[in-house]
Amino acid sequence: MTTIAIGKAIQAFRREMNLTQEELANRIPIHRSVLARIENGERQLPSAYDTVVSGLSWKLALEIADERTGGYISNILEDVPNLDLHPAALKDVLLKQLAEAGKALERLTMAKHISPEKRKENAETVWHEMRVVIETANVMQGVLEDEFGLDRKRLIQKHELEVKKCDR
């Protein structure tokens, strides 16, 4: 992803929310002229603002994660631009992908007597299936936030606390 992609995503978000550059700049907070240069692809979003900007929208969070991880966390919205973002449609897609990942996991064997090439091939299949599930699940989380007005920060804090307590 390029600097332009994040800037265009920020611009699209701003327009979708019907905000001026000044209003969005105040929310970040960043100078309006810097925001304009980011939106135009003339300047990169400073990483110090990643958390604030990601907190504005799950779509922006995906763009930033894709950029900052060099695609390790990719933005499925770019890869599959016609993805139906209705929660019911995503649920069906995610369930199908989970089933496919489960089948790939069942075929994965760790036994040393199986040929290393076959084991590697199966491991790559599992890796790809898991990545598809993760990407779709990230989108599903964002869609659920939008659809039901969920507070991402509160949910993340709750989840992290449950993990620390071994409740999850």
N, C-alpha and C. Protein backbone atom coordinates (compact mmCIF):
# COMPACT_ATOMS: atom_id res chain seq x y z
N MET A 1 0.84 -1.17 0.00
CA MET A 1 0.00 0.00 0.00
C MET A 1 0.89 1.23 0.00
N THR A 2 0.38 2.28 -0.53
CA THR A 2 1.15 3.51 -0.62
C THR A 2 0.60 4.55 0.33
N THR A 3 1.36 5.63 0.46
CA THR A 3 0.93 6.76 1.27
C THR A 3 -0.40 7.29 0.76
N ILE A 4 -0.60 7.21 -0.54
CA ILE A 4 -1.82 7.72 -1.15
C ILE A 4 -3.04 6.97 -0.63
N ALA A 5 -2.93 5.65 -0.44
CA ALA A 5 -4.07 4.84 -0.01
C ALA A 5 -4.59 5.28 1.35
N ILE A 6 -3.71 5.50 2.30
CA ILE A 6 -4.16 5.95 3.62
C ILE A 6 -4.79 7.33 3.51
N GLY A 7 -4.16 8.20 2.77
CA GLY A 7 -4.70 9.55 2.59
C GLY A 7 -6.07 9.54 1.95
N LYS A 8 -6.25 8.70 0.93
CA LYS A 8 -7.55 8.60 0.26
C LYS A 8 -8.59 8.00 1.20
N ALA A 9 -8.17 7.04 2.03
CA ALA A 9 -9.11 6.45 2.99
C ALA A 9 -9.54 7.49 4.02
N ILE A 10 -8.61 8.31 4.47
CA ILE A 10 -8.95 9.37 5.42
C ILE A 10 -9.91 10.36 4.77
N GLN A 11 -9.61 10.72 3.52
CA GLN A 11 -10.47 11.65 2.80
C GLN A 11 -11.87 11.07 2.61
N ALA A 12 -11.94 9.79 2.23
CA ALA A 12 -13.25 9.14 2.04
C ALA A 12 -14.03 9.12 3.36
N PHE A 13 -13.34 8.81 4.46
CA PHE A 13 -13.99 8.81 5.77
C PHE A 13 -14.52 10.20 6.10
N ARG A 14 -13.69 11.20 5.88
CA ARG A 14 -14.08 12.58 6.19
C ARG A 14 -15.32 12.98 5.40
N ARG A 15 -15.34 12.65 4.13
CA ARG A 15 -16.49 12.99 3.29
C ARG A 15 -17.73 12.20 3.69
N GLU A 16 -17.52 10.92 4.01
CA GLU A 16 -18.65 10.08 4.44
C GLU A 16 -19.28 10.63 5.72
N MET A 17 -18.44 11.15 6.59
CA MET A 17 -18.93 11.72 7.85
C MET A 17 -19.35 13.18 7.71
N ASN A 18 -19.19 13.70 6.50
CA ASN A 18 -19.57 15.09 6.21
C ASN A 18 -18.82 16.09 7.10
N LEU A 19 -17.50 15.85 7.21
CA LEU A 19 -16.65 16.71 8.02
C LEU A 19 -15.76 17.56 7.11
N THR A 20 -15.46 18.75 7.57
CA THR A 20 -14.46 19.56 6.87
C THR A 20 -13.08 19.07 7.30
N GLN A 21 -12.06 19.48 6.55
CA GLN A 21 -10.70 19.13 6.95
C GLN A 21 -10.40 19.69 8.33
N GLU A 22 -10.86 20.89 8.57
CA GLU A 22 -10.62 21.53 9.87
C GLU A 22 -11.24 20.72 11.01
N GLU A 23 -12.48 20.26 10.81
CA GLU A 23 -13.16 19.48 11.85
C GLU A 23 -12.44 18.16 12.12
N LEU A 24 -12.05 17.46 11.06
CA LEU A 24 -11.35 16.20 11.24
C LEU A 24 -9.97 16.43 11.85
N ALA A 25 -9.29 17.46 11.39
CA ALA A 25 -7.96 17.78 11.93
C ALA A 25 -8.05 18.03 13.44
N ASN A 26 -9.10 18.67 13.88
CA ASN A 26 -9.28 18.92 15.32
C ASN A 26 -9.51 17.63 16.09
N ARG A 27 -10.16 16.65 15.48
CA ARG A 27 -10.41 15.37 16.15
C ARG A 27 -9.13 14.54 16.30
N ILE A 28 -8.19 14.72 15.40
CA ILE A 28 -7.03 13.83 15.38
C ILE A 28 -6.04 14.10 16.51
N PRO A 29 -5.61 15.16 16.97
CA PRO A 29 -5.51 16.51 16.45
C PRO A 29 -4.22 16.69 15.63
N ILE A 30 -4.39 17.36 14.53
CA ILE A 30 -3.29 17.62 13.61
C ILE A 30 -3.63 18.93 12.88
N HIS A 31 -2.66 19.60 12.39
CA HIS A 31 -2.93 20.85 11.68
C HIS A 31 -3.67 20.55 10.38
N ARG A 32 -4.62 21.39 10.02
CA ARG A 32 -5.42 21.18 8.82
C ARG A 32 -4.57 21.07 7.56
N SER A 33 -3.52 21.86 7.46
CA SER A 33 -2.68 21.81 6.26
C SER A 33 -1.93 20.48 6.16
N VAL A 34 -1.57 19.91 7.30
CA VAL A 34 -0.91 18.59 7.30
C VAL A 34 -1.91 17.53 6.85
N LEU A 35 -3.14 17.63 7.35
CA LEU A 35 -4.19 16.69 6.94
C LEU A 35 -4.42 16.78 5.43
N ALA A 36 -4.45 17.98 4.91
CA ALA A 36 -4.65 18.17 3.46
C ALA A 36 -3.54 17.48 2.67
N ARG A 37 -2.31 17.61 3.13
CA ARG A 37 -1.18 16.99 2.44
C ARG A 37 -1.24 15.46 2.54
N ILE A 38 -1.74 14.95 3.67
CA ILE A 38 -1.90 13.50 3.83
C ILE A 38 -2.97 13.01 2.87
N GLU A 39 -4.11 13.70 2.82
CA GLU A 39 -5.19 13.31 1.93
C GLU A 39 -4.76 13.34 0.46
N ASN A 40 -3.88 14.26 0.11
CA ASN A 40 -3.41 14.39 -1.28
C ASN A 40 -2.26 13.45 -1.59
N GLY A 41 -1.79 12.69 -0.58
CA GLY A 41 -0.70 11.75 -0.80
C GLY A 41 0.66 12.42 -0.84
N GLU A 42 0.74 13.66 -0.42
CA GLU A 42 2.00 14.40 -0.43
C GLU A 42 2.81 14.15 0.83
N ARG A 43 2.15 13.61 1.84
CA ARG A 43 2.81 13.36 3.12
C ARG A 43 2.23 12.10 3.72
N GLN A 44 3.06 11.37 4.43
CA GLN A 44 2.62 10.15 5.10
C GLN A 44 2.00 10.51 6.45
N LEU A 45 1.00 9.74 6.85
CA LEU A 45 0.42 9.90 8.18
C LEU A 45 1.49 9.52 9.19
N PRO A 46 1.87 10.44 10.08
CA PRO A 46 2.86 10.07 11.11
C PRO A 46 2.31 8.92 11.97
N SER A 47 3.16 7.94 12.24
CA SER A 47 2.71 6.75 12.98
C SER A 47 2.20 7.09 14.37
N ALA A 48 2.60 8.21 14.92
CA ALA A 48 2.12 8.62 16.23
C ALA A 48 0.60 8.82 16.24
N TYR A 49 0.00 9.01 15.06
CA TYR A 49 -1.43 9.25 14.96
C TYR A 49 -2.21 7.98 14.61
N ASP A 50 -1.53 6.86 14.45
CA ASP A 50 -2.20 5.62 14.05
C ASP A 50 -3.35 5.25 14.97
N THR A 51 -3.12 5.30 16.26
CA THR A 51 -4.15 4.88 17.21
C THR A 51 -5.38 5.78 17.14
N VAL A 52 -5.14 7.07 17.09
CA VAL A 52 -6.26 8.03 17.05
C VAL A 52 -7.06 7.86 15.76
N VAL A 53 -6.36 7.79 14.64
CA VAL A 53 -7.05 7.68 13.35
C VAL A 53 -7.74 6.32 13.24
N SER A 54 -7.10 5.25 13.70
CA SER A 54 -7.72 3.93 13.67
C SER A 54 -8.98 3.90 14.53
N GLY A 55 -8.98 4.66 15.60
CA GLY A 55 -10.14 4.72 16.47
C GLY A 55 -11.34 5.41 15.85
N LEU A 56 -11.12 6.15 14.78
CA LEU A 56 -12.22 6.85 14.12
C LEU A 56 -13.10 5.92 13.30
N SER A 57 -12.48 4.88 12.73
CA SER A 57 -13.21 4.00 11.83
C SER A 57 -12.46 2.69 11.66
N TRP A 58 -13.19 1.59 11.66
CA TRP A 58 -12.57 0.29 11.44
C TRP A 58 -11.98 0.20 10.03
N LYS A 59 -12.56 0.90 9.07
CA LYS A 59 -12.01 0.90 7.72
C LYS A 59 -10.64 1.59 7.69
N LEU A 60 -10.53 2.69 8.43
CA LEU A 60 -9.24 3.36 8.53
C LEU A 60 -8.24 2.47 9.27
N ALA A 61 -8.71 1.77 10.28
CA ALA A 61 -7.82 0.86 11.03
C ALA A 61 -7.25 -0.21 10.10
N LEU A 62 -8.08 -0.75 9.19
CA LEU A 62 -7.59 -1.75 8.24
C LEU A 62 -6.55 -1.16 7.30
N GLU A 63 -6.79 0.05 6.81
CA GLU A 63 -5.83 0.71 5.91
C GLU A 63 -4.48 0.89 6.61
N ILE A 64 -4.53 1.38 7.84
CA ILE A 64 -3.30 1.64 8.58
C ILE A 64 -2.58 0.33 8.91
N ALA A 65 -3.33 -0.68 9.34
CA ALA A 65 -2.71 -1.97 9.65
C ALA A 65 -2.04 -2.55 8.41
N ASP A 66 -2.70 -2.45 7.28
CA ASP A 66 -2.13 -2.96 6.03
C ASP A 66 -0.82 -2.25 5.71
N GLU A 67 -0.82 -0.94 5.84
CA GLU A 67 0.38 -0.14 5.56
C GLU A 67 1.51 -0.44 6.55
N ARG A 68 1.21 -0.41 7.81
CA ARG A 68 2.24 -0.53 8.83
C ARG A 68 2.81 -1.94 8.95
N THR A 69 2.04 -2.95 8.53
CA THR A 69 2.54 -4.32 8.63
C THR A 69 3.06 -4.83 7.29
N GLY A 70 3.12 -3.96 6.31
CA GLY A 70 3.57 -4.38 4.99
C GLY A 70 2.68 -5.45 4.38
N GLY A 71 1.40 -5.41 4.72
CA GLY A 71 0.45 -6.36 4.16
C GLY A 71 0.24 -7.61 5.00
N TYR A 72 0.97 -7.75 6.12
CA TYR A 72 0.76 -8.93 6.97
C TYR A 72 -0.67 -8.95 7.47
N ILE A 73 -1.17 -7.79 7.88
CA ILE A 73 -2.59 -7.63 8.15
C ILE A 73 -3.11 -6.86 6.95
N SER A 74 -3.81 -7.56 6.06
CA SER A 74 -4.20 -6.90 4.82
C SER A 74 -5.63 -6.40 4.89
N ASN A 75 -5.92 -5.53 3.94
CA ASN A 75 -7.23 -4.92 3.87
C ASN A 75 -8.06 -5.65 2.82
N ILE A 76 -8.90 -6.55 3.27
CA ILE A 76 -9.71 -7.35 2.36
C ILE A 76 -10.66 -6.47 1.55
N LEU A 77 -10.97 -5.28 2.04
CA LEU A 77 -11.86 -4.39 1.29
C LEU A 77 -11.23 -3.96 -0.02
N GLU A 78 -9.91 -3.91 -0.07
CA GLU A 78 -9.22 -3.60 -1.32
C GLU A 78 -9.11 -4.84 -2.18
N ASP A 79 -8.88 -5.98 -1.56
CA ASP A 79 -8.71 -7.23 -2.30
C ASP A 79 -10.03 -7.73 -2.89
N VAL A 80 -11.11 -7.52 -2.16
CA VAL A 80 -12.44 -7.98 -2.60
C VAL A 80 -13.38 -6.78 -2.52
N PRO A 81 -13.27 -5.86 -3.49
CA PRO A 81 -14.04 -4.61 -3.41
C PRO A 81 -15.55 -4.80 -3.47
N ASN A 82 -16.03 -5.92 -4.00
CA ASN A 82 -17.47 -6.15 -4.08
C ASN A 82 -17.99 -7.01 -2.93
N LEU A 83 -17.22 -7.12 -1.86
CA LEU A 83 -17.63 -7.90 -0.69
C LEU A 83 -18.91 -7.30 -0.09
N ASP A 84 -19.92 -8.13 0.08
CA ASP A 84 -21.18 -7.68 0.66
C ASP A 84 -20.97 -7.47 2.16
N LEU A 85 -21.11 -6.23 2.61
CA LEU A 85 -20.83 -5.89 4.01
C LEU A 85 -22.06 -6.00 4.91
N HIS A 86 -23.12 -6.61 4.43
CA HIS A 86 -24.27 -6.83 5.30
C HIS A 86 -23.89 -7.92 6.31
N PRO A 87 -24.22 -7.73 7.60
CA PRO A 87 -23.81 -8.71 8.61
C PRO A 87 -24.23 -10.15 8.29
N ALA A 88 -25.43 -10.34 7.75
CA ALA A 88 -25.88 -11.70 7.43
C ALA A 88 -25.03 -12.32 6.33
N ALA A 89 -24.69 -11.53 5.33
CA ALA A 89 -23.86 -12.03 4.22
C ALA A 89 -22.47 -12.36 4.72
N LEU A 90 -21.91 -11.49 5.55
CA LEU A 90 -20.58 -11.75 6.10
C LEU A 90 -20.58 -12.97 7.00
N LYS A 91 -21.65 -13.14 7.74
CA LYS A 91 -21.75 -14.32 8.62
C LYS A 91 -21.68 -15.60 7.78
N ASP A 92 -22.41 -15.64 6.69
CA ASP A 92 -22.39 -16.82 5.83
C ASP A 92 -21.01 -17.05 5.24
N VAL A 93 -20.37 -15.99 4.78
CA VAL A 93 -19.02 -16.10 4.21
C VAL A 93 -18.04 -16.60 5.26
N LEU A 94 -18.11 -16.02 6.45
CA LEU A 94 -17.19 -16.39 7.52
C LEU A 94 -17.39 -17.84 7.96
N LEU A 95 -18.63 -18.28 8.07
CA LEU A 95 -18.89 -19.68 8.43
C LEU A 95 -18.32 -20.63 7.39
N LYS A 96 -18.48 -20.29 6.12
CA LYS A 96 -17.93 -21.13 5.04
C LYS A 96 -16.41 -21.16 5.13
N GLN A 97 -15.81 -20.00 5.35
CA GLN A 97 -14.35 -19.92 5.44
C GLN A 97 -13.83 -20.69 6.66
N LEU A 98 -14.53 -20.60 7.77
CA LEU A 98 -14.14 -21.35 8.96
C LEU A 98 -14.18 -22.86 8.70
N ALA A 99 -15.22 -23.30 7.99
CA ALA A 99 -15.32 -24.73 7.67
C ALA A 99 -14.16 -25.16 6.78
N GLU A 100 -13.81 -24.34 5.80
CA GLU A 100 -12.69 -24.66 4.91
C GLU A 100 -11.37 -24.68 5.69
N ALA A 101 -11.21 -23.74 6.60
CA ALA A 101 -9.99 -23.72 7.43
C ALA A 101 -9.95 -24.96 8.32
N GLY A 102 -11.09 -25.36 8.86
CA GLY A 102 -11.15 -26.57 9.68
C GLY A 102 -10.75 -27.82 8.91
N LYS A 103 -11.22 -27.91 7.66
CA LYS A 103 -10.84 -29.06 6.82
C LYS A 103 -9.34 -29.06 6.55
N ALA A 104 -8.79 -27.88 6.27
CA ALA A 104 -7.35 -27.78 6.02
C ALA A 104 -6.56 -28.16 7.27
N LEU A 105 -7.04 -27.75 8.43
CA LEU A 105 -6.37 -28.12 9.68
C LEU A 105 -6.41 -29.63 9.91
N GLU A 106 -7.53 -30.26 9.57
CA GLU A 106 -7.64 -31.70 9.74
C GLU A 106 -6.64 -32.44 8.85
N ARG A 107 -6.36 -31.89 7.66
CA ARG A 107 -5.41 -32.52 6.74
C ARG A 107 -3.96 -32.27 7.14
N LEU A 108 -3.75 -31.28 8.00
CA LEU A 108 -2.39 -30.95 8.41
C LEU A 108 -1.88 -32.03 9.36
N THR A 109 -0.76 -32.59 9.02
CA THR A 109 -0.18 -33.62 9.88
C THR A 109 1.21 -33.17 10.29
N MET A 110 1.54 -33.49 11.49
CA MET A 110 2.85 -33.13 12.01
C MET A 110 3.77 -34.35 12.04
N ALA A 111 3.24 -35.49 11.65
CA ALA A 111 4.02 -36.73 11.70
C ALA A 111 5.26 -36.62 10.82
N LYS A 112 6.40 -36.98 11.40
CA LYS A 112 7.68 -36.85 10.70
C LYS A 112 7.82 -37.83 9.53
N HIS A 113 7.04 -38.92 9.54
CA HIS A 113 7.19 -39.91 8.46
C HIS A 113 6.52 -39.46 7.15
N ILE A 114 5.70 -38.41 7.20
CA ILE A 114 5.10 -37.85 5.99
C ILE A 114 6.15 -36.99 5.30
N SER A 115 6.14 -36.96 4.00
CA SER A 115 7.16 -36.23 3.26
C SER A 115 7.16 -34.75 3.66
N PRO A 116 8.35 -34.18 3.84
CA PRO A 116 8.44 -32.76 4.22
C PRO A 116 7.76 -31.84 3.22
N GLU A 117 7.81 -32.19 1.93
CA GLU A 117 7.17 -31.35 0.91
C GLU A 117 5.65 -31.33 1.08
N LYS A 118 5.09 -32.51 1.36
CA LYS A 118 3.63 -32.62 1.55
C LYS A 118 3.21 -31.88 2.82
N ARG A 119 3.99 -32.02 3.88
CA ARG A 119 3.68 -31.33 5.13
C ARG A 119 3.73 -29.82 4.91
N LYS A 120 4.74 -29.36 4.19
CA LYS A 120 4.87 -27.92 3.91
C LYS A 120 3.70 -27.43 3.06
N GLU A 121 3.32 -28.19 2.06
CA GLU A 121 2.19 -27.83 1.20
C GLU A 121 0.91 -27.71 2.03
N ASN A 122 0.69 -28.67 2.92
CA ASN A 122 -0.50 -28.62 3.79
C ASN A 122 -0.44 -27.44 4.75
N ALA A 123 0.75 -27.15 5.27
CA ALA A 123 0.90 -26.01 6.18
C ALA A 123 0.61 -24.70 5.46
N GLU A 124 1.04 -24.59 4.22
CA GLU A 124 0.76 -23.37 3.45
C GLU A 124 -0.74 -23.22 3.20
N THR A 125 -1.40 -24.33 2.93
CA THR A 125 -2.85 -24.28 2.73
C THR A 125 -3.54 -23.79 3.99
N VAL A 126 -3.14 -24.32 5.15
CA VAL A 126 -3.72 -23.87 6.42
C VAL A 126 -3.45 -22.38 6.63
N TRP A 127 -2.22 -21.96 6.34
CA TRP A 127 -1.85 -20.55 6.52
C TRP A 127 -2.78 -19.66 5.70
N HIS A 128 -2.99 -20.02 4.43
CA HIS A 128 -3.86 -19.21 3.56
C HIS A 128 -5.31 -19.22 4.04
N GLU A 129 -5.79 -20.38 4.44
CA GLU A 129 -7.17 -20.47 4.93
C GLU A 129 -7.36 -19.63 6.19
N MET A 130 -6.38 -19.68 7.09
CA MET A 130 -6.48 -18.89 8.33
C MET A 130 -6.44 -17.39 8.03
N ARG A 131 -5.61 -17.01 7.06
CA ARG A 131 -5.52 -15.59 6.70
C ARG A 131 -6.85 -15.08 6.16
N VAL A 132 -7.50 -15.87 5.33
CA VAL A 132 -8.80 -15.48 4.79
C VAL A 132 -9.80 -15.30 5.94
N VAL A 133 -9.78 -16.22 6.89
CA VAL A 133 -10.68 -16.13 8.04
C VAL A 133 -10.39 -14.87 8.85
N ILE A 134 -9.12 -14.61 9.12
CA ILE A 134 -8.74 -13.44 9.91
C ILE A 134 -9.18 -12.15 9.23
N GLU A 135 -8.92 -12.05 7.93
CA GLU A 135 -9.28 -10.83 7.20
C GLU A 135 -10.79 -10.61 7.23
N THR A 136 -11.54 -11.67 6.99
CA THR A 136 -13.00 -11.54 6.99
C THR A 136 -13.51 -11.25 8.39
N ALA A 137 -12.90 -11.87 9.40
CA ALA A 137 -13.31 -11.62 10.78
C ALA A 137 -13.05 -10.17 11.18
N ASN A 138 -11.94 -9.60 10.72
CA ASN A 138 -11.67 -8.19 11.01
C ASN A 138 -12.76 -7.29 10.43
N VAL A 139 -13.16 -7.58 9.20
CA VAL A 139 -14.23 -6.80 8.58
C VAL A 139 -15.54 -7.02 9.33
N MET A 140 -15.81 -8.26 9.71
CA MET A 140 -17.04 -8.57 10.44
C MET A 140 -17.10 -7.79 11.75
N GLN A 141 -15.96 -7.70 12.45
CA GLN A 141 -15.94 -6.92 13.69
C GLN A 141 -16.33 -5.47 13.42
N GLY A 142 -15.76 -4.88 12.38
CA GLY A 142 -16.09 -3.50 12.04
C GLY A 142 -17.55 -3.32 11.67
N VAL A 143 -18.07 -4.25 10.90
CA VAL A 143 -19.47 -4.18 10.49
C VAL A 143 -20.38 -4.29 11.72
N LEU A 144 -20.04 -5.18 12.65
CA LEU A 144 -20.83 -5.31 13.89
C LEU A 144 -20.77 -4.03 14.71
N GLU A 145 -19.60 -3.39 14.74
CA GLU A 145 -19.48 -2.10 15.44
C GLU A 145 -20.44 -1.09 14.84
N ASP A 146 -20.45 -1.00 13.52
CA ASP A 146 -21.33 -0.05 12.84
C ASP A 146 -22.80 -0.41 13.03
N GLU A 147 -23.13 -1.66 12.79
CA GLU A 147 -24.52 -2.10 12.81
C GLU A 147 -25.17 -1.97 14.19
N PHE A 148 -24.39 -2.28 15.24
CA PHE A 148 -24.97 -2.31 16.58
C PHE A 148 -24.44 -1.22 17.51
N GLY A 149 -23.65 -0.30 16.96
CA GLY A 149 -23.12 0.80 17.76
C GLY A 149 -22.21 0.33 18.88
N LEU A 150 -21.40 -0.69 18.59
CA LEU A 150 -20.50 -1.23 19.60
C LEU A 150 -19.30 -0.30 19.80
N ASP A 151 -18.84 -0.24 21.03
CA ASP A 151 -17.69 0.59 21.40
C ASP A 151 -16.44 -0.28 21.32
N ARG A 152 -15.67 -0.12 20.26
CA ARG A 152 -14.48 -0.95 20.02
C ARG A 152 -13.50 -0.87 21.17
N LYS A 153 -13.21 0.34 21.65
CA LYS A 153 -12.22 0.49 22.72
C LYS A 153 -12.64 -0.27 23.97
N ARG A 154 -13.92 -0.15 24.32
CA ARG A 154 -14.42 -0.84 25.51
C ARG A 154 -14.35 -2.35 25.32
N LEU A 155 -14.71 -2.82 24.12
CA LEU A 155 -14.68 -4.26 23.85
C LEU A 155 -13.25 -4.80 23.87
N ILE A 156 -12.31 -4.04 23.34
CA ILE A 156 -10.91 -4.48 23.36
C ILE A 156 -10.42 -4.56 24.80
N GLN A 157 -10.73 -3.55 25.59
CA GLN A 157 -10.31 -3.56 27.00
C GLN A 157 -10.92 -4.75 27.73
N LYS A 158 -12.20 -4.99 27.49
CA LYS A 158 -12.88 -6.11 28.14
C LYS A 158 -12.23 -7.43 27.71
N HIS A 159 -11.97 -7.57 26.42
CA HIS A 159 -11.36 -8.79 25.91
C HIS A 159 -9.97 -9.01 26.52
N GLU A 160 -9.16 -7.97 26.54
CA GLU A 160 -7.81 -8.09 27.10
C GLU A 160 -7.86 -8.47 28.57
N LEU A 161 -8.78 -7.90 29.32
CA LEU A 161 -8.94 -8.23 30.73
C LEU A 161 -9.34 -9.70 30.89
N GLU A 162 -10.26 -10.17 30.06
CA GLU A 162 -10.69 -11.57 30.12
C GLU A 162 -9.55 -12.51 29.77
N VAL A 163 -8.73 -12.12 28.80
CA VAL A 163 -7.57 -12.95 28.44
C VAL A 163 -6.59 -13.03 29.60
N LYS A 164 -6.32 -11.88 30.24
CA LYS A 164 -5.41 -11.86 31.37
C LYS A 164 -5.91 -12.71 32.52
N LYS A 165 -7.21 -12.75 32.71
CA LYS A 165 -7.81 -13.55 33.78
C LYS A 165 -8.00 -15.01 33.36
N CYS A 166 -7.62 -15.33 32.14
CA CYS A 166 -7.80 -16.68 31.57
C CYS A 166 -9.28 -17.04 31.46
N ASP A 167 -10.14 -16.03 31.30
CA ASP A 167 -11.57 -16.26 31.10
C ASP A 167 -11.91 -16.42 29.63
N ARG A 168 -10.94 -16.26 28.76
CA ARG A 168 -11.19 -16.36 27.33
C ARG A 168 -10.09 -17.15 26.68
